[in-house]
Amino acid sequence: MSMIDNFEAMLAAGRDNALLRYSLGNEYLKAGDAAKAAEHLRRAVEHDPKYSAAWKLLGRALADANALDEALAAYRQGIAVAEARGDVQAAKEMGVFTRRIEKQLGLKSGD
């Protein structure tokens, strides 16, 4: 049984929470299914809007799924969450990813 199968079984058993959704999203991203990963990561941040690591991974999943506008929004929200929590490293990392996407989209920083 794969990690995804284990996590999906836990979800089916009613154990839905931010950490489980984050873990599922991470495993789907590793498996190359960015769209499915984003679906679970969106639920993770719904469960816990202050989960900066989930925002960061959601941004990555959306970027991998080529949903750049949504990825940019997720990273910006993640930066706000990380800064509010004092999670400086996560905020810095998401700032780098934000600037890369802005460049890809032809936006000036902060547009």
Protein backbone atom coordinates (compact mmCIF):
# COMPACT_ATOMS: atom_id res chain seq x y z
CA MET A 1 0.00 0.00 0.00
CA SER A 2 1.44 3.39 -1.00
CA MET A 3 1.59 6.49 1.19
CA ILE A 4 -1.18 7.99 -0.94
CA ASP A 5 -3.34 4.90 -0.36
CA ASN A 6 -2.68 5.09 3.39
CA PHE A 7 -3.55 8.78 3.56
CA GLU A 8 -6.63 8.34 1.35
CA ALA A 9 -7.80 5.52 3.66
CA MET A 10 -7.40 7.80 6.67
CA LEU A 11 -9.38 10.50 4.86
CA ALA A 12 -12.11 8.01 3.94
CA ALA A 13 -12.29 6.99 7.60
CA GLY A 14 -13.19 10.57 8.50
CA ARG A 15 -9.82 11.78 9.76
CA ASP A 16 -9.86 15.00 7.74
CA ASN A 17 -7.49 17.69 9.02
CA ALA A 18 -4.88 20.16 7.81
CA LEU A 19 -1.89 17.86 8.37
CA LEU A 20 -3.50 14.93 6.55
CA ARG A 21 -4.43 17.15 3.60
CA TYR A 22 -0.92 18.64 3.56
CA SER A 23 0.58 15.13 3.57
CA LEU A 24 -1.71 13.99 0.75
CA GLY A 25 -0.90 17.09 -1.27
CA ASN A 26 2.82 16.52 -0.77
CA GLU A 27 2.57 12.88 -1.88
CA TYR A 28 0.50 13.72 -4.97
CA LEU A 29 3.03 16.41 -5.87
CA LYS A 30 5.88 13.87 -5.55
CA ALA A 31 3.86 11.51 -7.77
CA GLY A 32 3.56 14.22 -10.43
CA ASP A 33 -0.16 14.97 -10.01
CA ALA A 34 -0.02 18.70 -9.33
CA ALA A 35 -3.76 19.25 -9.86
CA LYS A 36 -4.70 16.60 -7.29
CA ALA A 37 -2.03 17.96 -4.94
CA ALA A 38 -3.48 21.47 -5.22
CA GLU A 39 -6.96 20.14 -4.42
CA HIS A 40 -5.76 18.65 -1.11
CA LEU A 41 -3.55 21.63 -0.26
CA ARG A 42 -6.48 24.01 -0.75
CA ARG A 43 -8.37 21.94 1.82
CA ALA A 44 -5.35 22.06 4.15
CA VAL A 45 -5.38 25.86 4.19
CA GLU A 46 -9.17 25.86 4.60
CA HIS A 47 -8.69 23.73 7.74
CA ASP A 48 -5.83 25.93 8.98
CA PRO A 49 -5.46 29.30 7.21
CA LYS A 50 -2.29 29.99 9.24
CA TYR A 51 -0.43 26.89 7.95
CA SER A 52 2.41 28.62 6.09
CA ALA A 53 4.02 25.39 4.86
CA ALA A 54 0.71 24.40 3.25
CA TRP A 55 0.46 27.77 1.50
CA LYS A 56 4.00 27.34 0.18
CA LEU A 57 3.29 23.84 -1.14
CA LEU A 58 -0.05 24.99 -2.60
CA GLY A 59 1.77 27.70 -4.53
CA ARG A 60 4.22 25.14 -5.85
CA ALA A 61 1.47 22.70 -6.86
CA LEU A 62 -0.43 25.44 -8.68
CA ALA A 63 2.74 26.61 -10.43
CA ASP A 64 3.48 23.01 -11.46
CA ALA A 65 -0.10 22.77 -12.79
CA ASN A 66 0.60 25.97 -14.77
CA ALA A 67 -2.06 27.91 -12.85
CA LEU A 68 0.33 30.82 -12.40
CA ASP A 69 -2.20 33.47 -11.34
CA GLU A 70 -3.55 31.15 -8.65
CA ALA A 71 0.00 30.20 -7.60
CA LEU A 72 0.88 33.87 -7.25
CA ALA A 73 -2.20 34.47 -5.08
CA ALA A 74 -1.36 31.45 -2.90
CA TYR A 75 2.25 32.59 -2.44
CA ARG A 76 1.15 36.13 -1.56
CA GLN A 77 -1.33 34.80 1.00
CA GLY A 78 1.36 32.45 2.31
CA ILE A 79 3.82 35.32 2.72
CA ALA A 80 1.26 37.29 4.75
CA VAL A 81 0.59 34.25 6.95
CA ALA A 82 4.29 33.45 7.40
CA GLU A 83 5.18 37.05 8.26
CA ALA A 84 2.32 37.24 10.78
CA ARG A 85 3.64 34.07 12.44
CA GLY A 86 7.27 35.19 12.38
CA ASP A 87 8.16 32.39 9.94
CA VAL A 88 10.84 34.45 8.20
CA GLN A 89 12.41 31.61 6.18
CA ALA A 90 9.09 30.50 4.64
CA ALA A 91 8.21 34.11 3.80
CA LYS A 92 11.61 34.59 2.10
CA GLU A 93 11.25 31.38 0.07
CA MET A 94 7.75 32.29 -1.06
CA GLY A 95 8.99 35.77 -1.96
CA VAL A 96 11.54 34.23 -4.33
CA PHE A 97 8.86 32.05 -5.96
CA THR A 98 6.52 35.04 -6.19
CA ARG A 99 9.11 37.11 -8.05
CA ARG A 100 9.80 34.23 -10.47
CA ILE A 101 6.11 33.93 -11.33
CA GLU A 102 5.71 37.70 -11.64
CA LYS A 103 8.61 37.65 -14.09
CA GLN A 104 7.02 34.78 -16.06
CA LEU A 105 3.74 36.70 -16.21
CA GLY A 106 5.49 39.92 -17.17
CA LEU A 107 4.39 41.69 -13.99
CA LYS A 108 6.36 44.20 -12.00
CA SER A 109 6.87 43.10 -8.41
CA GLY A 110 3.72 43.75 -6.41
CA ASP A 111 1.35 44.22 -9.41
